[in-house]
C-alpha cells in the first residue's frame, strides 16, 4: 500500500508535552467497528475503561522499563559533539545505537560521554545505526545511570529539555524489566485506583515483556509499505501467561492489548488457530491493512504519528477509513496526541 494513504495534518498544539495529572484523568476516544451500533466514536475518559469491557476480558500489559539510553559526549581527540540513542542490546557490553553527527564517527573511534563513560564505535548497520561497545568492568546499566538521560521522543525533546519529572512520567506503573528505550505509552494512563476498579469489575490482567527500541520513532522512508524494513525488538511471554490468556479466550473473554507493543508480541507468539505460545526472541512483525489478527480482539493505544508503522497497525485493526475519520474527530475535539497524550480504545 502507498505510505501516503496514512498521512494527515496535525496542529503542533495537539502534541502533548506533559502527561495528564492524575494519569487516569486523560481522555479516551472509543472507536467501534462495523456492526457495533450507529455511533462509531464515543468521547470517554480512561477512568471509564472498567465499564467498557466485560467480566472475563483480559488486558495485556508490557512490563518493560525504560533505561536512561540518551547519551551526550564527543569523539576522543576531537571537539565534535556526539549524541547516541541506544536502540537494542546485542550482548552484555554492546548496544546498537543511532548516532547524531554520525558522519564524524568512524569504526574504532572512542566516544567519551559524561561521568567518564566511554565506548568504542564498531561499524555501521544498514539502518544507519552503529554498534557501541562500552569499556570497563561495571555493568552497562550502571554506566547508563551515571551518564544517560531519559530518551524522550523527538517530537517532545525538540521542544523542551528532559527534566526530573520525566524520570517518573515516562515510566509505567508496570515497569519491571530494564531494557526499553521508549515507553509502552498506552500503559502510562494506569493508576492504582484504575487497576483496583478493573479488578472489581472482573477484568483480568496479564503482562509480557517487549523491549521497545528507538526504531519505533524512525520515519517510513519508502513510498510503499512493501519496501519498508521493520526494526526488530526482543520480547518474551512465559508459558504460564500464554496458558492463562488462552484460557480466558476459551471462556469467552476478549484479549485487549494495552499498547501496540503488547499487540505485536501477542500476534508474534500466536499460531494460526489463535493460541498464544511461550515466546522468547526477536520480532520484526509489520502489521498493515489486510493482516488477519490471530488473538487480539481490541487495542488500547495513544494517537500515532502520520505515515508511521503504528498508524498502519491501527488501520489494519479497524480499517483505514475508520481510523482516518477517528483521527479527524480527535483533532477537532482537542484530543492530545502522541506519547504523553490521550488514549483510544479500538474495538473492531
C-alpha atoms as a PDB file:
ATOM      1  CA  UNK A   1       0.000   0.000   0.000  1.00  0.00           C
ATOM      2  CA  UNK A   2       1.069   3.589  -0.562  1.00  0.00           C
ATOM      3  CA  UNK A   3       2.504   5.115   2.612  1.00  0.00           C
ATOM      4  CA  UNK A   4       0.872   8.487   1.914  1.00  0.00           C
ATOM      5  CA  UNK A   5      -2.536   6.856   2.456  1.00  0.00           C
ATOM      6  CA  UNK A   6      -1.744   7.076   6.186  1.00  0.00           C
ATOM      7  CA  UNK A   7      -0.878  10.774   6.215  1.00  0.00           C
ATOM      8  CA  UNK A   8      -2.812  13.527   7.997  1.00  0.00           C
ATOM      9  CA  UNK A   9      -2.226  17.073   9.172  1.00  0.00           C
ATOM     10  CA  UNK A  10      -1.738  17.567  12.904  1.00  0.00           C
ATOM     11  CA  UNK A  11      -1.548  21.025  14.512  1.00  0.00           C
ATOM     12  CA  UNK A  12       1.580  21.450  16.648  1.00  0.00           C
ATOM     13  CA  UNK A  13      -0.506  22.417  19.663  1.00  0.00           C
ATOM     14  CA  UNK A  14      -2.156  18.977  19.570  1.00  0.00           C
ATOM     15  CA  UNK A  15       1.124  17.345  20.648  1.00  0.00           C
ATOM     16  CA  UNK A  16       1.208  16.784  24.416  1.00  0.00           C
ATOM     17  CA  UNK A  17       4.433  17.856  26.124  1.00  0.00           C
ATOM     18  CA  UNK A  18       3.346  16.646  29.581  1.00  0.00           C
ATOM     19  CA  UNK A  19       1.048  13.798  30.659  1.00  0.00           C
ATOM     20  CA  UNK A  20      -2.345  14.307  32.224  1.00  0.00           C
ATOM     21  CA  UNK A  21      -2.367  14.561  36.030  1.00  0.00           C
ATOM     22  CA  UNK A  22      -3.503  12.307  37.524  1.00  0.00           C
ATOM     23  CA  UNK A  23      -2.641   9.826  34.805  1.00  0.00           C
ATOM     24  CA  UNK A  24      -6.085   8.252  34.561  1.00  0.00           C
ATOM     25  CA  UNK A  25      -7.745  11.657  34.023  1.00  0.00           C
ATOM     26  CA  UNK A  26      -6.757  11.519  30.339  1.00  0.00           C
ATOM     27  CA  UNK A  27      -9.465  11.408  27.711  1.00  0.00           C
ATOM     28  CA  UNK A  28     -10.149   8.241  25.704  1.00  0.00           C
ATOM     29  CA  UNK A  29     -11.789   8.012  22.291  1.00  0.00           C
ATOM     30  CA  UNK A  30     -13.676   4.754  21.843  1.00  0.00           C
ATOM     31  CA  UNK A  31     -13.675   3.613  18.212  1.00  0.00           C
ATOM     32  CA  UNK A  32     -16.009   0.767  17.306  1.00  0.00           C
ATOM     33  CA  UNK A  33     -16.049  -1.409  14.240  1.00  0.00           C
ATOM     34  CA  UNK A  34     -18.886  -2.043  11.839  1.00  0.00           C
ATOM     35  CA  UNK A  35     -21.847  -3.838  13.368  1.00  0.00           C
ATOM     36  CA  UNK A  36     -21.441  -2.312  16.837  1.00  0.00           C
ATOM     37  CA  UNK A  37     -24.169   0.304  16.611  1.00  0.00           C
ATOM     38  CA  UNK A  38     -24.727   3.563  14.800  1.00  0.00           C
ATOM     39  CA  UNK A  39     -22.191   5.646  16.753  1.00  0.00           C
ATOM     40  CA  UNK A  40     -18.653   4.826  15.600  1.00  0.00           C
ATOM     41  CA  UNK A  41     -16.937   7.181  18.069  1.00  0.00           C
ATOM     42  CA  UNK A  42     -17.591   7.818  21.744  1.00  0.00           C
ATOM     43  CA  UNK A  43     -15.776  10.525  23.727  1.00  0.00           C
ATOM     44  CA  UNK A  44     -14.935   8.947  27.065  1.00  0.00           C
ATOM     45  CA  UNK A  45     -12.201   9.043  29.686  1.00  0.00           C
ATOM     46  CA  UNK A  46      -9.604   6.463  30.708  1.00  0.00           C
ATOM     47  CA  UNK A  47     -11.466   6.038  34.014  1.00  0.00           C
ATOM     48  CA  UNK A  48     -14.441   4.722  32.018  1.00  0.00           C
ATOM     49  CA  UNK A  49     -12.447   1.656  30.941  1.00  0.00           C
ATOM     50  CA  UNK A  50     -13.909  -0.816  33.511  1.00  0.00           C
ATOM     51  CA  UNK A  51     -17.416  -0.108  32.211  1.00  0.00           C
ATOM     52  CA  UNK A  52     -16.398  -0.502  28.568  1.00  0.00           C
ATOM     53  CA  UNK A  53     -15.115  -4.057  28.984  1.00  0.00           C
ATOM     54  CA  UNK A  54     -16.808  -7.237  30.162  1.00  0.00           C
ATOM     55  CA  UNK A  55     -16.114  -9.516  33.104  1.00  0.00           C
ATOM     56  CA  UNK A  56     -13.620 -12.125  31.952  1.00  0.00           C
ATOM     57  CA  UNK A  57     -11.915  -9.912  29.393  1.00  0.00           C
ATOM     58  CA  UNK A  58      -8.135  -9.710  29.764  1.00  0.00           C
ATOM     59  CA  UNK A  59      -5.913  -6.652  29.435  1.00  0.00           C
ATOM     60  CA  UNK A  60      -2.335  -7.465  28.402  1.00  0.00           C
ATOM     61  CA  UNK A  61       0.364  -5.003  29.537  1.00  0.00           C
ATOM     62  CA  UNK A  62       4.032  -4.613  28.641  1.00  0.00           C
ATOM     63  CA  UNK A  63       6.236  -4.574  31.757  1.00  0.00           C
ATOM     64  CA  UNK A  64       9.395  -3.257  30.075  1.00  0.00           C
ATOM     65  CA  UNK A  65      11.236  -0.487  31.895  1.00  0.00           C
ATOM     66  CA  UNK A  66      12.803   2.498  30.129  1.00  0.00           C
ATOM     67  CA  UNK A  67      16.527   2.899  30.723  1.00  0.00           C
ATOM     68  CA  UNK A  68      18.431   6.246  30.540  1.00  0.00           C
ATOM     69  CA  UNK A  69      19.505   5.485  26.975  1.00  0.00           C
ATOM     70  CA  UNK A  70      20.208   9.010  25.686  1.00  0.00           C
ATOM     71  CA  UNK A  71      23.925   9.848  25.822  1.00  0.00           C
ATOM     72  CA  UNK A  72      25.767  13.076  25.001  1.00  0.00           C
ATOM     73  CA  UNK A  73      29.513  13.327  24.510  1.00  0.00           C
ATOM     74  CA  UNK A  74      32.306  13.754  21.988  1.00  0.00           C
ATOM     75  CA  UNK A  75      34.748  11.778  19.894  1.00  0.00           C
ATOM     76  CA  UNK A  76      38.131  11.248  21.537  1.00  0.00           C
ATOM     77  CA  UNK A  77      40.760  13.520  20.042  1.00  0.00           C
ATOM     78  CA  UNK A  78      38.197  15.966  18.731  1.00  0.00           C
ATOM     79  CA  UNK A  79      35.640  18.516  19.850  1.00  0.00           C
ATOM     80  CA  UNK A  80      32.750  17.325  17.677  1.00  0.00           C
ATOM     81  CA  UNK A  81      29.665  16.762  19.839  1.00  0.00           C
ATOM     82  CA  UNK A  82      28.158  13.307  19.504  1.00  0.00           C
ATOM     83  CA  UNK A  83      24.728  12.141  20.609  1.00  0.00           C
ATOM     84  CA  UNK A  84      23.825   8.466  20.949  1.00  0.00           C
ATOM     85  CA  UNK A  85      20.390   6.914  21.459  1.00  0.00           C
ATOM     86  CA  UNK A  86      20.708   3.253  22.372  1.00  0.00           C
ATOM     87  CA  UNK A  87      18.403   1.081  20.351  1.00  0.00           C
ATOM     88  CA  UNK A  88      18.848  -2.609  21.090  1.00  0.00           C
ATOM     89  CA  UNK A  89      21.095  -4.699  23.346  1.00  0.00           C
ATOM     90  CA  UNK A  90      23.346  -7.137  21.488  1.00  0.00           C
ATOM     91  CA  UNK A  91      25.203  -8.684  24.448  1.00  0.00           C
ATOM     92  CA  UNK A  92      26.489  -7.706  27.893  1.00  0.00           C
ATOM     93  CA  UNK A  93      28.587  -4.766  26.660  1.00  0.00           C
ATOM     94  CA  UNK A  94      27.384  -3.986  23.144  1.00  0.00           C
ATOM     95  CA  UNK A  95      24.355  -1.978  22.052  1.00  0.00           C
ATOM     96  CA  UNK A  96      23.086  -0.833  18.692  1.00  0.00           C
ATOM     97  CA  UNK A  97      22.724   2.957  18.748  1.00  0.00           C
ATOM     98  CA  UNK A  98      21.561   5.747  16.498  1.00  0.00           C
ATOM     99  CA  UNK A  99      24.255   8.407  16.412  1.00  0.00           C
ATOM    100  CA  UNK A 100      23.720  12.141  15.991  1.00  0.00           C
ATOM    101  CA  UNK A 101      26.547  13.720  13.980  1.00  0.00           C
ATOM    102  CA  UNK A 102      27.408  10.199  12.803  1.00  0.00           C
ATOM    103  CA  UNK A 103      29.493  11.486   9.883  1.00  0.00           C
ATOM    104  CA  UNK A 104      32.165  12.469  12.425  1.00  0.00           C
ATOM    105  CA  UNK A 105      32.404   8.925  13.818  1.00  0.00           C
ATOM    106  CA  UNK A 106      34.494   6.174  12.236  1.00  0.00           C
ATOM    107  CA  UNK A 107      34.858   2.487  13.021  1.00  0.00           C
ATOM    108  CA  UNK A 108      37.168   2.125  16.022  1.00  0.00           C
ATOM    109  CA  UNK A 109      36.673   5.652  17.383  1.00  0.00           C
ATOM    110  CA  UNK A 110      36.376   6.069  21.121  1.00  0.00           C
ATOM    111  CA  UNK A 111      33.361   8.097  22.235  1.00  0.00           C
ATOM    112  CA  UNK A 112      33.554   9.894  25.592  1.00  0.00           C
ATOM    113  CA  UNK A 113      30.305  10.503  27.458  1.00  0.00           C
ATOM    114  CA  UNK A 114      29.553  12.040  30.849  1.00  0.00           C
ATOM    115  CA  UNK A 115      30.769  10.534  34.110  1.00  0.00           C
ATOM    116  CA  UNK A 116      33.846   9.036  32.484  1.00  0.00           C
ATOM    117  CA  UNK A 117      31.780   6.560  30.450  1.00  0.00           C
ATOM    118  CA  UNK A 118      33.430   5.540  27.181  1.00  0.00           C
ATOM    119  CA  UNK A 119      32.506   3.271  24.267  1.00  0.00           C
ATOM    120  CA  UNK A 120      34.136   2.121  21.038  1.00  0.00           C
ATOM    121  CA  UNK A 121      32.237   2.570  17.763  1.00  0.00           C
ATOM    122  CA  UNK A 122      32.086  -0.619  15.729  1.00  0.00           C
ATOM    123  CA  UNK A 123      30.919  -0.341  12.146  1.00  0.00           C
ATOM    124  CA  UNK A 124      27.651   0.833  10.653  1.00  0.00           C
ATOM    125  CA  UNK A 125      24.447  -1.145  10.109  1.00  0.00           C
ATOM    126  CA  UNK A 126      22.107  -0.991   7.084  1.00  0.00           C
ATOM    127  CA  UNK A 127      19.563   1.030   9.113  1.00  0.00           C
ATOM    128  CA  UNK A 128      22.187   3.716   9.835  1.00  0.00           C
ATOM    129  CA  UNK A 129      22.834   2.661  13.424  1.00  0.00           C
ATOM    130  CA  UNK A 130      26.246   1.800  14.844  1.00  0.00           C
ATOM    131  CA  UNK A 131      27.373  -0.732  17.434  1.00  0.00           C
ATOM    132  CA  UNK A 132      28.798   0.729  20.645  1.00  0.00           C
ATOM    133  CA  UNK A 133      30.935  -1.469  22.896  1.00  0.00           C
ATOM    134  CA  UNK A 134      31.102   0.057  26.378  1.00  0.00           C
ATOM    135  CA  UNK A 135      34.511  -0.053  28.050  1.00  0.00           C
ATOM    136  CA  UNK A 136      35.284  -1.010  31.636  1.00  0.00           C
ATOM    137  CA  UNK A 137      34.107  -3.695  34.033  1.00  0.00           C
ATOM    138  CA  UNK A 138      30.988  -2.091  35.502  1.00  0.00           C
ATOM    139  CA  UNK A 139      27.635  -3.300  34.137  1.00  0.00           C
ATOM    140  CA  UNK A 140      26.384  -1.150  31.256  1.00  0.00           C
ATOM    141  CA  UNK A 141      23.216  -0.423  33.268  1.00  0.00           C
ATOM    142  CA  UNK A 142      25.346   1.236  35.961  1.00  0.00           C
ATOM    143  CA  UNK A 143      27.173   3.295  33.337  1.00  0.00           C
ATOM    144  CA  UNK A 144      23.910   4.459  31.777  1.00  0.00           C
ATOM    145  CA  UNK A 145      22.510   5.631  35.089  1.00  0.00           C
ATOM    146  CA  UNK A 146      25.701   7.651  35.518  1.00  0.00           C
ATOM    147  CA  UNK A 147      25.849   9.191  32.047  1.00  0.00           C
ATOM    148  CA  UNK A 148      22.457   8.823  30.386  1.00  0.00           C
ATOM    149  CA  UNK A 149      19.154  10.662  30.435  1.00  0.00           C
ATOM    150  CA  UNK A 150      15.599   9.575  29.725  1.00  0.00           C
ATOM    151  CA  UNK A 151      15.195   9.170  25.933  1.00  0.00           C
ATOM    152  CA  UNK A 152      12.115  11.280  25.301  1.00  0.00           C
ATOM    153  CA  UNK A 153      10.575  11.011  21.818  1.00  0.00           C
ATOM    154  CA  UNK A 154      11.991  13.506  19.280  1.00  0.00           C
ATOM    155  CA  UNK A 155       8.732  15.441  18.995  1.00  0.00           C
ATOM    156  CA  UNK A 156       8.958  16.271  22.723  1.00  0.00           C
ATOM    157  CA  UNK A 157      12.744  16.572  23.078  1.00  0.00           C
ATOM    158  CA  UNK A 158      12.877  19.086  20.213  1.00  0.00           C
ATOM    159  CA  UNK A 159      10.519  21.416  22.074  1.00  0.00           C
ATOM    160  CA  UNK A 160      11.750  21.153  25.668  1.00  0.00           C
ATOM    161  CA  UNK A 161      14.546  19.626  27.695  1.00  0.00           C
ATOM    162  CA  UNK A 162      14.382  16.433  29.708  1.00  0.00           C
ATOM    163  CA  UNK A 163      13.834  17.147  33.401  1.00  0.00           C
ATOM    164  CA  UNK A 164      13.390  15.319  36.680  1.00  0.00           C
ATOM    165  CA  UNK A 165       9.637  14.896  36.190  1.00  0.00           C
ATOM    166  CA  UNK A 166      10.284  12.748  33.134  1.00  0.00           C
ATOM    167  CA  UNK A 167      12.097  10.169  35.270  1.00  0.00           C
ATOM    168  CA  UNK A 168       8.726   9.100  36.637  1.00  0.00           C
ATOM    169  CA  UNK A 169       6.355  10.447  33.972  1.00  0.00           C
ATOM    170  CA  UNK A 170       7.948   8.294  31.254  1.00  0.00           C
ATOM    171  CA  UNK A 171       7.686   5.029  33.222  1.00  0.00           C
ATOM    172  CA  UNK A 172       4.543   2.944  33.543  1.00  0.00           C
ATOM    173  CA  UNK A 173       3.329   1.542  36.850  1.00  0.00           C
ATOM    174  CA  UNK A 174       4.022  -1.952  35.452  1.00  0.00           C
ATOM    175  CA  UNK A 175       7.698  -1.271  34.598  1.00  0.00           C
ATOM    176  CA  UNK A 176       9.841  -4.132  35.912  1.00  0.00           C
ATOM    177  CA  UNK A 177      12.234  -5.387  33.229  1.00  0.00           C
ATOM    178  CA  UNK A 178      15.033  -2.986  32.215  1.00  0.00           C
ATOM    179  CA  UNK A 179      15.663  -2.707  28.501  1.00  0.00           C
ATOM    180  CA  UNK A 180      13.360  -0.287  26.674  1.00  0.00           C
ATOM    181  CA  UNK A 181      14.483   2.975  25.123  1.00  0.00           C
ATOM    182  CA  UNK A 182      10.904   4.137  24.616  1.00  0.00           C
ATOM    183  CA  UNK A 183       7.949   3.697  26.948  1.00  0.00           C
ATOM    184  CA  UNK A 184       4.942   1.496  26.141  1.00  0.00           C
ATOM    185  CA  UNK A 185       2.907   4.668  26.401  1.00  0.00           C
ATOM    186  CA  UNK A 186      -0.626   3.221  26.450  1.00  0.00           C
ATOM    187  CA  UNK A 187       0.126   1.963  29.967  1.00  0.00           C
ATOM    188  CA  UNK A 188       1.129   5.423  31.196  1.00  0.00           C
ATOM    189  CA  UNK A 189      -2.571   6.123  31.848  1.00  0.00           C
ATOM    190  CA  UNK A 190      -2.942   3.481  34.561  1.00  0.00           C
ATOM    191  CA  UNK A 191      -3.037   4.146  38.310  1.00  0.00           C
ATOM    192  CA  UNK A 192      -3.575   2.009  41.390  1.00  0.00           C
ATOM    193  CA  UNK A 193      -7.144   3.312  41.567  1.00  0.00           C
ATOM    194  CA  UNK A 194      -7.915   2.346  37.973  1.00  0.00           C
ATOM    195  CA  UNK A 195      -6.386  -1.108  38.409  1.00  0.00           C
ATOM    196  CA  UNK A 196      -8.500  -1.630  41.543  1.00  0.00           C
ATOM    197  CA  UNK A 197     -11.630  -0.679  39.598  1.00  0.00           C
ATOM    198  CA  UNK A 198     -10.702  -3.131  36.823  1.00  0.00           C
ATOM    199  CA  UNK A 199     -10.182  -5.893  39.377  1.00  0.00           C
ATOM    200  CA  UNK A 200     -13.555  -5.154  40.944  1.00  0.00           C
ATOM    201  CA  UNK A 201     -15.187  -5.361  37.515  1.00  0.00           C
ATOM    202  CA  UNK A 202     -13.716  -8.838  36.978  1.00  0.00           C
ATOM    203  CA  UNK A 203     -11.336  -7.804  34.207  1.00  0.00           C
ATOM    204  CA  UNK A 204      -8.167  -9.876  34.176  1.00  0.00           C
ATOM    205  CA  UNK A 205      -4.607  -8.556  33.790  1.00  0.00           C
ATOM    206  CA  UNK A 206      -1.555 -10.206  32.276  1.00  0.00           C
ATOM    207  CA  UNK A 207       1.950  -8.934  31.477  1.00  0.00           C
ATOM    208  CA  UNK A 208       4.524  -9.704  28.839  1.00  0.00           C
ATOM    209  CA  UNK A 209       7.852  -8.054  28.026  1.00  0.00           C
ATOM    210  CA  UNK A 210       8.836  -6.318  24.801  1.00  0.00           C
ATOM    211  CA  UNK A 211      11.831  -4.012  24.972  1.00  0.00           C
ATOM    212  CA  UNK A 212      10.813  -1.076  22.796  1.00  0.00           C
ATOM    213  CA  UNK A 213      13.624   0.191  20.579  1.00  0.00           C
ATOM    214  CA  UNK A 214      14.354   3.636  19.177  1.00  0.00           C
ATOM    215  CA  UNK A 215      13.365   2.253  15.777  1.00  0.00           C
ATOM    216  CA  UNK A 216       9.754   2.853  16.776  1.00  0.00           C
ATOM    217  CA  UNK A 217      10.359   6.567  16.029  1.00  0.00           C
ATOM    218  CA  UNK A 218      12.074   6.039  12.668  1.00  0.00           C
ATOM    219  CA  UNK A 219      10.125   7.522   9.748  1.00  0.00           C
ATOM    220  CA  UNK A 220       8.930   5.256   6.973  1.00  0.00           C
ATOM    221  CA  UNK A 221      11.087   6.421   4.075  1.00  0.00           C
ATOM    222  CA  UNK A 222       9.680   4.021   1.468  1.00  0.00           C
ATOM    223  CA  UNK A 223       6.794   5.073  -0.762  1.00  0.00           C
ATOM    224  CA  UNK A 224       5.163   1.640  -0.468  1.00  0.00           C
ATOM    225  CA  UNK A 225       4.707  -0.445   2.685  1.00  0.00           C
ATOM    226  CA  UNK A 226       6.138  -3.499   0.869  1.00  0.00           C
ATOM    227  CA  UNK A 227       9.505  -1.736   0.683  1.00  0.00           C
ATOM    228  CA  UNK A 228       9.795  -0.847   4.386  1.00  0.00           C
ATOM    229  CA  UNK A 229      12.225  -2.817   6.558  1.00  0.00           C
ATOM    230  CA  UNK A 230      10.712  -3.146  10.040  1.00  0.00           C
ATOM    231  CA  UNK A 231      13.051  -2.892  13.045  1.00  0.00           C
ATOM    232  CA  UNK A 232      13.324  -5.886  15.382  1.00  0.00           C
ATOM    233  CA  UNK A 233      12.831  -5.902  19.151  1.00  0.00           C
ATOM    234  CA  UNK A 234      13.284  -8.535  21.839  1.00  0.00           C
ATOM    235  CA  UNK A 235      10.180  -9.915  23.510  1.00  0.00           C
ATOM    236  CA  UNK A 236       9.209 -12.618  25.983  1.00  0.00           C
ATOM    237  CA  UNK A 237       5.972 -14.352  27.029  1.00  0.00           C
ATOM    238  CA  UNK A 238       6.245 -17.148  29.566  1.00  0.00           C
ATOM    239  CA  UNK A 239       4.263 -20.364  29.296  1.00  0.00           C
ATOM    240  CA  UNK A 240       2.012 -19.663  32.286  1.00  0.00           C
ATOM    241  CA  UNK A 241       0.960 -16.283  30.898  1.00  0.00           C
ATOM    242  CA  UNK A 242       0.219 -17.800  27.498  1.00  0.00           C
ATOM    243  CA  UNK A 243      -1.910 -20.512  29.115  1.00  0.00           C
ATOM    244  CA  UNK A 244      -3.955 -18.000  31.120  1.00  0.00           C
ATOM    245  CA  UNK A 245      -4.596 -15.830  28.061  1.00  0.00           C
ATOM    246  CA  UNK A 246      -5.716 -18.890  26.092  1.00  0.00           C
ATOM    247  CA  UNK A 247      -7.981 -19.977  28.943  1.00  0.00           C
ATOM    248  CA  UNK A 248      -9.584 -16.533  29.208  1.00  0.00           C
ATOM    249  CA  UNK A 249     -10.248 -16.501  25.479  1.00  0.00           C
ATOM    250  CA  UNK A 250     -11.649 -20.040  25.536  1.00  0.00           C
ATOM    251  CA  UNK A 251     -14.060 -18.931  28.273  1.00  0.00           C
ATOM    252  CA  UNK A 252     -15.390 -16.142  26.040  1.00  0.00           C
ATOM    253  CA  UNK A 253     -13.224 -13.264  27.218  1.00  0.00           C
ATOM    254  CA  UNK A 254     -11.730 -10.782  24.804  1.00  0.00           C
ATOM    255  CA  UNK A 255      -7.993 -10.159  24.662  1.00  0.00           C
ATOM    256  CA  UNK A 256      -7.330  -6.409  24.754  1.00  0.00           C
ATOM    257  CA  UNK A 257      -3.720  -5.418  24.136  1.00  0.00           C
ATOM    258  CA  UNK A 258      -2.643  -2.342  26.090  1.00  0.00           C
ATOM    259  CA  UNK A 259      -0.349  -0.719  23.558  1.00  0.00           C
ATOM    260  CA  UNK A 260       0.910  -1.646  20.120  1.00  0.00           C
ATOM    261  CA  UNK A 261       3.964  -3.302  21.679  1.00  0.00           C
ATOM    262  CA  UNK A 262       1.775  -5.806  23.532  1.00  0.00           C
ATOM    263  CA  UNK A 263      -0.260  -6.382  20.384  1.00  0.00           C
ATOM    264  CA  UNK A 264       2.794  -7.019  18.204  1.00  0.00           C
ATOM    265  CA  UNK A 265       4.246  -9.548  20.639  1.00  0.00           C
ATOM    266  CA  UNK A 266       0.925 -11.358  21.150  1.00  0.00           C
ATOM    267  CA  UNK A 267       0.496 -11.710  17.410  1.00  0.00           C
ATOM    268  CA  UNK A 268       4.114 -12.837  17.039  1.00  0.00           C
ATOM    269  CA  UNK A 269       3.578 -15.562  19.646  1.00  0.00           C
ATOM    270  CA  UNK A 270       0.226 -16.756  18.305  1.00  0.00           C
ATOM    271  CA  UNK A 271      -0.376 -19.613  15.907  1.00  0.00           C
ATOM    272  CA  UNK A 272      -2.988 -19.641  13.144  1.00  0.00           C
ATOM    273  CA  UNK A 273      -5.500 -21.325  15.469  1.00  0.00           C
ATOM    274  CA  UNK A 274      -5.467 -18.276  17.768  1.00  0.00           C
ATOM    275  CA  UNK A 275      -3.471 -19.841  20.586  1.00  0.00           C
ATOM    276  CA  UNK A 276      -0.685 -17.888  22.286  1.00  0.00           C
ATOM    277  CA  UNK A 277       2.545 -19.814  22.880  1.00  0.00           C
ATOM    278  CA  UNK A 278       5.610 -19.292  25.027  1.00  0.00           C
ATOM    279  CA  UNK A 279       7.947 -16.900  23.224  1.00  0.00           C
ATOM    280  CA  UNK A 280      11.451 -15.537  23.734  1.00  0.00           C
ATOM    281  CA  UNK A 281      13.293 -13.847  20.899  1.00  0.00           C
ATOM    282  CA  UNK A 282      13.240 -11.043  18.375  1.00  0.00           C
ATOM    283  CA  UNK A 283      10.161  -9.959  16.469  1.00  0.00           C
ATOM    284  CA  UNK A 284      10.017  -7.677  13.457  1.00  0.00           C
ATOM    285  CA  UNK A 285       6.337  -8.216  12.699  1.00  0.00           C
ATOM    286  CA  UNK A 286       4.959  -5.437  10.466  1.00  0.00           C
ATOM    287  CA  UNK A 287       1.168  -5.217  10.595  1.00  0.00           C
ATOM    288  CA  UNK A 288      -0.575  -3.408   7.732  1.00  0.00           C
ATOM    289  CA  UNK A 289      -4.147  -3.471   6.365  1.00  0.00           C
ATOM    290  CA  UNK A 290      -5.004  -6.947   5.161  1.00  0.00           C
ATOM    291  CA  UNK A 291      -3.340  -8.646   8.142  1.00  0.00           C
ATOM    292  CA  UNK A 292      -5.505 -11.345   9.746  1.00  0.00           C
ATOM    293  CA  UNK A 293      -5.360 -10.961  13.519  1.00  0.00           C
ATOM    294  CA  UNK A 294      -4.939 -14.244  15.365  1.00  0.00           C
ATOM    295  CA  UNK A 295      -5.566 -13.485  19.026  1.00  0.00           C
ATOM    296  CA  UNK A 296      -6.071  -9.771  19.741  1.00  0.00           C
ATOM    297  CA  UNK A 297      -9.705  -8.637  19.964  1.00  0.00           C
ATOM    298  CA  UNK A 298      -9.085  -4.974  20.786  1.00  0.00           C
ATOM    299  CA  UNK A 299      -6.416  -2.392  21.493  1.00  0.00           C
ATOM    300  CA  UNK A 300      -5.946   0.483  23.912  1.00  0.00           C
ATOM    301  CA  UNK A 301      -3.418   2.881  22.431  1.00  0.00           C
ATOM    302  CA  UNK A 302      -2.399   6.529  22.189  1.00  0.00           C
ATOM    303  CA  UNK A 303      -2.657   8.565  18.975  1.00  0.00           C
ATOM    304  CA  UNK A 304       0.153   7.939  16.489  1.00  0.00           C
ATOM    305  CA  UNK A 305       2.283   9.870  14.013  1.00  0.00           C
ATOM    306  CA  UNK A 306       1.231  10.344  10.378  1.00  0.00           C
ATOM    307  CA  UNK A 307       2.621   7.741   7.956  1.00  0.00           C
ATOM    308  CA  UNK A 308       4.038   5.700  10.852  1.00  0.00           C
ATOM    309  CA  UNK A 309       4.070   1.918  11.132  1.00  0.00           C
ATOM    310  CA  UNK A 310       1.768   2.281  14.146  1.00  0.00           C
ATOM    311  CA  UNK A 311      -0.790   4.248  12.126  1.00  0.00           C
ATOM    312  CA  UNK A 312      -0.711   1.351   9.676  1.00  0.00           C
ATOM    313  CA  UNK A 313      -1.203  -1.129  12.523  1.00  0.00           C
ATOM    314  CA  UNK A 314      -4.329   0.557  13.919  1.00  0.00           C
ATOM    315  CA  UNK A 315      -5.663   0.862  10.369  1.00  0.00           C
ATOM    316  CA  UNK A 316      -5.168  -2.897   9.948  1.00  0.00           C
ATOM    317  CA  UNK A 317      -7.233  -3.478  13.087  1.00  0.00           C
ATOM    318  CA  UNK A 318     -10.071  -1.040  12.420  1.00  0.00           C
ATOM    319  CA  UNK A 319      -9.885  -0.198   8.703  1.00  0.00           C
ATOM    320  CA  UNK A 320      -8.023   2.753   7.217  1.00  0.00           C
ATOM    321  CA  UNK A 321     -11.081   4.908   6.525  1.00  0.00           C
ATOM    322  CA  UNK A 322     -12.468   4.377  10.030  1.00  0.00           C
ATOM    323  CA  UNK A 323      -9.143   5.350  11.622  1.00  0.00           C
ATOM    324  CA  UNK A 324      -8.632   8.406   9.427  1.00  0.00           C
ATOM    325  CA  UNK A 325     -12.129   9.560  10.391  1.00  0.00           C
ATOM    326  CA  UNK A 326     -11.380   8.843  14.070  1.00  0.00           C
ATOM    327  CA  UNK A 327      -8.204  10.922  13.956  1.00  0.00           C
ATOM    328  CA  UNK A 328     -10.041  13.772  12.236  1.00  0.00           C
ATOM    329  CA  UNK A 329     -12.632  13.640  15.024  1.00  0.00           C
ATOM    330  CA  UNK A 330      -9.903  13.558  17.697  1.00  0.00           C
ATOM    331  CA  UNK A 331      -8.132  16.606  16.257  1.00  0.00           C
ATOM    332  CA  UNK A 332     -11.355  18.597  16.026  1.00  0.00           C
ATOM    333  CA  UNK A 333     -12.321  17.639  19.588  1.00  0.00           C
ATOM    334  CA  UNK A 334      -8.962  18.697  21.011  1.00  0.00           C
ATOM    335  CA  UNK A 335      -7.515  15.333  21.989  1.00  0.00           C
ATOM    336  CA  UNK A 336      -3.830  15.405  22.960  1.00  0.00           C
ATOM    337  CA  UNK A 337      -1.555  13.343  20.704  1.00  0.00           C
ATOM    338  CA  UNK A 338       1.463  11.048  20.996  1.00  0.00           C
ATOM    339  CA  UNK A 339       3.389   9.609  23.953  1.00  0.00           C
ATOM    340  CA  UNK A 340       2.147  11.955  26.692  1.00  0.00           C
ATOM    341  CA  UNK A 341      -1.257  12.411  25.066  1.00  0.00           C
ATOM    342  CA  UNK A 342      -4.748  10.954  25.425  1.00  0.00           C
ATOM    343  CA  UNK A 343      -5.835   7.406  24.705  1.00  0.00           C
ATOM    344  CA  UNK A 344      -8.102   5.483  22.384  1.00  0.00           C
ATOM    345  CA  UNK A 345      -9.873   2.156  22.751  1.00  0.00           C
ATOM    346  CA  UNK A 346     -10.248   0.304  19.462  1.00  0.00           C
ATOM    347  CA  UNK A 347     -12.923  -2.403  19.397  1.00  0.00           C
ATOM    348  CA  UNK A 348     -13.251  -3.977  15.947  1.00  0.00           C
END
